[in-house]
Amino acid sequence: MLNIRTILTPTQRVKFDYFRDGCLWYSTQNGFQFPVNVNSLTNGKTLMPNGKAMDFEYWIKKEYNRKKSLDNQK
């Protein structure tokens, strides 16, 4: 699994992949994929199809920690 420091760099970008089961799925340039639950968005929050990974830090860290805990259970 990728290191969180390589995912969240000032130059790392994300792109929108698809929508499924109430989540917008994005991926970083280095292949880390993460969901953004549309119900977690605050009023007026706009997510663009492309952007800086740092702007998605909350959701990236949430998915990173979830995947890390799954790996530790194996």
N, C-alpha and C. Protein backbone atom coordinates (compact mmCIF):
# COMPACT_ATOMS: atom_id res chain seq x y z
N MET A 1 0.84 -1.19 0.00
CA MET A 1 0.00 0.00 0.00
C MET A 1 0.88 1.24 0.00
N LEU A 2 0.41 2.28 -0.65
CA LEU A 2 1.13 3.54 -0.73
C LEU A 2 1.25 4.19 0.64
N ASN A 3 2.29 4.97 0.82
CA ASN A 3 2.48 5.74 2.04
C ASN A 3 1.63 7.00 1.94
N ILE A 4 1.04 7.42 3.05
CA ILE A 4 0.17 8.60 3.06
C ILE A 4 0.93 9.84 2.60
N ARG A 5 2.24 9.89 2.86
CA ARG A 5 3.04 11.06 2.46
C ARG A 5 3.19 11.15 0.95
N THR A 6 3.15 10.02 0.26
CA THR A 6 3.25 10.06 -1.20
C THR A 6 1.90 10.38 -1.84
N ILE A 7 0.83 10.17 -1.10
CA ILE A 7 -0.51 10.48 -1.61
C ILE A 7 -0.82 11.96 -1.42
N LEU A 8 -0.47 12.49 -0.27
CA LEU A 8 -0.79 13.88 0.05
C LEU A 8 0.45 14.77 -0.10
N THR A 9 0.78 15.08 -1.32
CA THR A 9 1.86 16.01 -1.61
C THR A 9 1.27 17.24 -2.28
N PRO A 10 1.98 18.37 -2.22
CA PRO A 10 1.44 19.58 -2.86
C PRO A 10 1.21 19.46 -4.36
N THR A 11 1.92 18.55 -5.03
CA THR A 11 1.78 18.42 -6.48
C THR A 11 0.83 17.30 -6.90
N GLN A 12 0.39 16.48 -5.96
CA GLN A 12 -0.49 15.35 -6.28
C GLN A 12 -1.88 15.85 -6.64
N ARG A 13 -2.46 15.30 -7.70
CA ARG A 13 -3.79 15.69 -8.17
C ARG A 13 -4.75 14.51 -8.07
N VAL A 14 -6.04 14.80 -8.04
CA VAL A 14 -7.07 13.77 -8.05
C VAL A 14 -7.99 13.99 -9.24
N LYS A 15 -8.64 12.90 -9.66
CA LYS A 15 -9.63 13.01 -10.73
C LYS A 15 -10.84 12.17 -10.36
N PHE A 16 -12.00 12.63 -10.79
CA PHE A 16 -13.24 11.90 -10.54
C PHE A 16 -13.28 10.68 -11.45
N ASP A 17 -13.65 9.51 -10.88
CA ASP A 17 -13.75 8.28 -11.65
C ASP A 17 -15.20 7.90 -11.95
N TYR A 18 -16.02 7.77 -10.89
CA TYR A 18 -17.41 7.35 -11.08
C TYR A 18 -18.23 7.59 -9.82
N PHE A 19 -19.56 7.48 -9.97
CA PHE A 19 -20.50 7.60 -8.86
C PHE A 19 -21.14 6.26 -8.64
N ARG A 20 -21.18 5.79 -7.38
CA ARG A 20 -21.82 4.51 -7.07
C ARG A 20 -22.25 4.48 -5.61
N ASP A 21 -23.48 4.04 -5.38
CA ASP A 21 -24.03 3.86 -4.03
C ASP A 21 -23.86 5.09 -3.14
N GLY A 22 -24.13 6.25 -3.68
CA GLY A 22 -24.07 7.48 -2.89
C GLY A 22 -22.68 8.04 -2.66
N CYS A 23 -21.69 7.50 -3.37
CA CYS A 23 -20.31 7.97 -3.21
C CYS A 23 -19.72 8.40 -4.55
N LEU A 24 -19.00 9.50 -4.50
CA LEU A 24 -18.19 9.94 -5.63
C LEU A 24 -16.81 9.30 -5.46
N TRP A 25 -16.38 8.53 -6.43
CA TRP A 25 -15.08 7.86 -6.33
C TRP A 25 -14.04 8.64 -7.11
N TYR A 26 -12.95 8.97 -6.43
CA TYR A 26 -11.83 9.71 -7.01
C TYR A 26 -10.58 8.84 -6.94
N SER A 27 -9.58 9.17 -7.75
CA SER A 27 -8.28 8.51 -7.66
C SER A 27 -7.18 9.55 -7.81
N THR A 28 -6.06 9.29 -7.14
CA THR A 28 -4.91 10.18 -7.24
C THR A 28 -4.07 9.77 -8.45
N GLN A 29 -3.11 10.60 -8.79
CA GLN A 29 -2.23 10.31 -9.91
C GLN A 29 -1.44 9.02 -9.70
N ASN A 30 -1.16 8.68 -8.44
CA ASN A 30 -0.40 7.47 -8.17
C ASN A 30 -1.29 6.25 -7.89
N GLY A 31 -2.59 6.37 -8.20
CA GLY A 31 -3.47 5.21 -8.19
C GLY A 31 -4.26 4.94 -6.92
N PHE A 32 -4.15 5.78 -5.91
CA PHE A 32 -4.93 5.57 -4.69
C PHE A 32 -6.37 6.00 -4.94
N GLN A 33 -7.31 5.11 -4.71
CA GLN A 33 -8.72 5.39 -4.96
C GLN A 33 -9.46 5.54 -3.64
N PHE A 34 -10.37 6.53 -3.59
CA PHE A 34 -11.09 6.81 -2.35
C PHE A 34 -12.49 7.34 -2.65
N PRO A 35 -13.45 7.06 -1.74
CA PRO A 35 -14.82 7.56 -1.92
C PRO A 35 -15.06 8.86 -1.16
N VAL A 36 -15.99 9.63 -1.68
CA VAL A 36 -16.50 10.81 -0.99
C VAL A 36 -18.01 10.61 -0.90
N ASN A 37 -18.50 10.36 0.30
CA ASN A 37 -19.93 10.15 0.51
C ASN A 37 -20.65 11.48 0.31
N VAL A 38 -21.61 11.50 -0.59
CA VAL A 38 -22.30 12.77 -0.88
C VAL A 38 -23.08 13.28 0.33
N ASN A 39 -23.47 12.40 1.23
CA ASN A 39 -24.18 12.84 2.43
C ASN A 39 -23.27 13.56 3.41
N SER A 40 -21.94 13.38 3.27
CA SER A 40 -21.00 14.03 4.19
C SER A 40 -20.64 15.44 3.74
N LEU A 41 -21.10 15.84 2.58
CA LEU A 41 -20.77 17.18 2.08
C LEU A 41 -21.62 18.23 2.78
N THR A 42 -20.99 19.31 3.15
CA THR A 42 -21.70 20.39 3.82
C THR A 42 -22.42 21.26 2.79
N ASN A 43 -23.33 22.06 3.25
CA ASN A 43 -24.09 22.94 2.35
C ASN A 43 -23.15 23.85 1.57
N GLY A 44 -23.35 23.89 0.28
CA GLY A 44 -22.56 24.77 -0.55
C GLY A 44 -21.21 24.23 -0.98
N LYS A 45 -20.83 23.05 -0.53
CA LYS A 45 -19.55 22.46 -0.91
C LYS A 45 -19.61 21.98 -2.35
N THR A 46 -18.68 22.43 -3.16
CA THR A 46 -18.60 22.02 -4.55
C THR A 46 -17.34 21.21 -4.77
N LEU A 47 -17.48 20.03 -5.34
CA LEU A 47 -16.33 19.21 -5.68
C LEU A 47 -16.18 19.20 -7.19
N MET A 48 -15.01 19.53 -7.63
CA MET A 48 -14.72 19.57 -9.06
C MET A 48 -14.23 18.18 -9.51
N PRO A 49 -14.31 17.90 -10.82
CA PRO A 49 -13.86 16.60 -11.31
C PRO A 49 -12.35 16.40 -11.19
N ASN A 50 -11.60 17.48 -11.12
CA ASN A 50 -10.15 17.41 -10.94
C ASN A 50 -9.76 18.43 -9.88
N GLY A 51 -8.72 18.10 -9.11
CA GLY A 51 -8.30 19.04 -8.08
C GLY A 51 -7.04 18.58 -7.39
N LYS A 52 -6.64 19.34 -6.40
CA LYS A 52 -5.46 19.02 -5.60
C LYS A 52 -5.82 17.96 -4.57
N ALA A 53 -4.93 17.02 -4.37
CA ALA A 53 -5.17 15.97 -3.38
C ALA A 53 -5.33 16.56 -1.98
N MET A 54 -4.63 17.63 -1.70
CA MET A 54 -4.71 18.24 -0.37
C MET A 54 -6.13 18.74 -0.08
N ASP A 55 -6.88 19.11 -1.10
CA ASP A 55 -8.26 19.55 -0.90
C ASP A 55 -9.18 18.39 -0.51
N PHE A 56 -8.73 17.18 -0.74
CA PHE A 56 -9.50 15.97 -0.43
C PHE A 56 -8.87 15.21 0.73
N GLU A 57 -8.05 15.87 1.51
CA GLU A 57 -7.28 15.24 2.59
C GLU A 57 -8.16 14.45 3.56
N TYR A 58 -9.28 15.01 3.96
CA TYR A 58 -10.17 14.34 4.92
C TYR A 58 -10.58 12.96 4.42
N TRP A 59 -11.05 12.90 3.17
CA TRP A 59 -11.55 11.64 2.61
C TRP A 59 -10.42 10.67 2.27
N ILE A 60 -9.28 11.21 1.84
CA ILE A 60 -8.12 10.36 1.56
C ILE A 60 -7.64 9.69 2.83
N LYS A 61 -7.50 10.46 3.90
CA LYS A 61 -7.04 9.88 5.18
C LYS A 61 -8.04 8.87 5.73
N LYS A 62 -9.32 9.17 5.58
CA LYS A 62 -10.35 8.25 6.07
C LYS A 62 -10.25 6.90 5.37
N GLU A 63 -10.11 6.89 4.04
CA GLU A 63 -9.99 5.65 3.28
C GLU A 63 -8.65 4.97 3.52
N TYR A 64 -7.60 5.76 3.64
CA TYR A 64 -6.27 5.22 3.92
C TYR A 64 -6.28 4.45 5.25
N ASN A 65 -6.84 5.06 6.27
CA ASN A 65 -6.91 4.41 7.59
C ASN A 65 -7.79 3.16 7.56
N ARG A 66 -8.88 3.19 6.80
CA ARG A 66 -9.75 2.02 6.68
C ARG A 66 -8.99 0.87 6.02
N LYS A 67 -8.30 1.16 4.94
CA LYS A 67 -7.53 0.11 4.24
C LYS A 67 -6.39 -0.41 5.10
N LYS A 68 -5.75 0.49 5.83
CA LYS A 68 -4.64 0.10 6.70
C LYS A 68 -5.12 -0.83 7.81
N SER A 69 -6.30 -0.54 8.40
CA SER A 69 -6.82 -1.40 9.46
C SER A 69 -7.22 -2.76 8.91
N LEU A 70 -7.72 -2.81 7.66
CA LEU A 70 -8.05 -4.09 7.03
C LEU A 70 -6.78 -4.93 6.79
N ASP A 71 -5.69 -4.25 6.38
CA ASP A 71 -4.43 -4.95 6.16
C ASP A 71 -3.87 -5.51 7.47
N ASN A 72 -4.07 -4.77 8.56
CA ASN A 72 -3.56 -5.21 9.87
C ASN A 72 -4.34 -6.39 10.41
N GLN A 73 -5.59 -6.57 9.98
CA GLN A 73 -6.42 -7.69 10.45
C GLN A 73 -6.04 -9.00 9.79
N LYS A 74 -5.32 -8.92 8.68
CA LYS A 74 -4.96 -10.15 7.95
C LYS A 74 -3.86 -10.91 8.64
